[in-house]
Amino acid sequence: MLVKVDKELCIGCGVCVQTCPEVFEFDDEGKAQVVDDGECNGCDCEEVADSCPTDAIIIEE
């Protein structure tokens, strides 16, 4: 499963970074970005996406 972050929608709340730091981190603007290749391993990315208040996390299967 691949994940992406829509930078236009991201408000930098940090839910994804706190919940799944293996996959998400903050960029220089304080918005979330995907680490490395975007593979979602080691956490429940669907749960993280559901927790995003702006629906900025996109999951591709």
Protein backbone atom coordinates (compact mmCIF):
# COMPACT_ATOMS: atom_id res chain seq x y z
CA MET A 1 0.00 0.00 0.00
CA LEU A 2 1.37 3.42 -0.97
CA VAL A 3 0.53 6.66 0.79
CA LYS A 4 0.77 10.29 -0.29
CA VAL A 5 0.10 13.61 1.40
CA ASP A 6 -1.85 16.34 -0.38
CA LYS A 7 0.18 19.43 0.63
CA GLU A 8 -2.68 21.72 -0.40
CA LEU A 9 -4.94 20.13 2.23
CA CYS A 10 -2.38 19.45 4.98
CA ILE A 11 -2.53 21.88 7.93
CA GLY A 12 0.40 20.34 9.81
CA CYS A 13 -1.62 19.12 12.80
CA GLY A 14 0.79 16.19 13.29
CA VAL A 15 -1.67 13.35 13.83
CA CYS A 16 0.00 11.25 11.16
CA VAL A 17 3.54 12.01 12.35
CA GLN A 18 2.65 11.12 15.95
CA THR A 19 0.71 7.99 15.01
CA CYS A 20 3.06 6.62 12.38
CA PRO A 21 6.55 8.19 12.46
CA GLU A 22 7.91 5.31 10.36
CA VAL A 23 5.95 6.63 7.38
CA PHE A 24 5.35 10.37 8.01
CA GLU A 25 7.52 13.32 8.99
CA PHE A 26 7.32 17.12 8.84
CA ASP A 27 8.84 19.02 5.94
CA ASP A 28 10.52 22.45 6.18
CA GLU A 29 7.12 24.17 6.01
CA GLY A 30 5.72 22.18 8.94
CA LYS A 31 3.48 20.05 6.75
CA ALA A 32 3.46 16.27 6.65
CA GLN A 33 5.38 14.35 4.04
CA VAL A 34 5.94 10.68 3.37
CA VAL A 35 9.30 9.21 4.34
CA ASP A 36 11.31 7.38 1.67
CA ASP A 37 9.27 5.56 -0.97
CA GLY A 38 5.78 5.93 0.51
CA GLU A 39 5.37 2.28 1.46
CA CYS A 40 3.13 1.89 4.47
CA ASN A 41 4.81 -0.70 6.66
CA GLY A 42 4.64 -0.99 10.42
CA CYS A 43 1.45 0.91 11.13
CA ASP A 44 -2.22 1.15 10.16
CA CYS A 45 -2.15 3.83 7.47
CA GLU A 46 -5.88 3.53 6.88
CA GLU A 47 -6.46 4.49 10.51
CA VAL A 48 -4.03 7.37 10.15
CA ALA A 49 -5.82 8.57 7.00
CA ASP A 50 -9.17 8.38 8.79
CA SER A 51 -7.71 10.47 11.63
CA CYS A 52 -6.54 13.27 9.34
CA PRO A 53 -8.89 16.25 9.91
CA THR A 54 -8.49 17.52 6.33
CA ASP A 55 -8.35 14.17 4.49
CA ALA A 56 -4.88 15.07 3.20
CA ILE A 57 -3.60 11.49 3.34
CA ILE A 58 -4.20 9.51 0.17
CA ILE A 59 -3.90 5.73 0.14
CA GLU A 60 -3.21 3.85 -3.09
CA GLU A 61 -3.42 0.08 -3.05
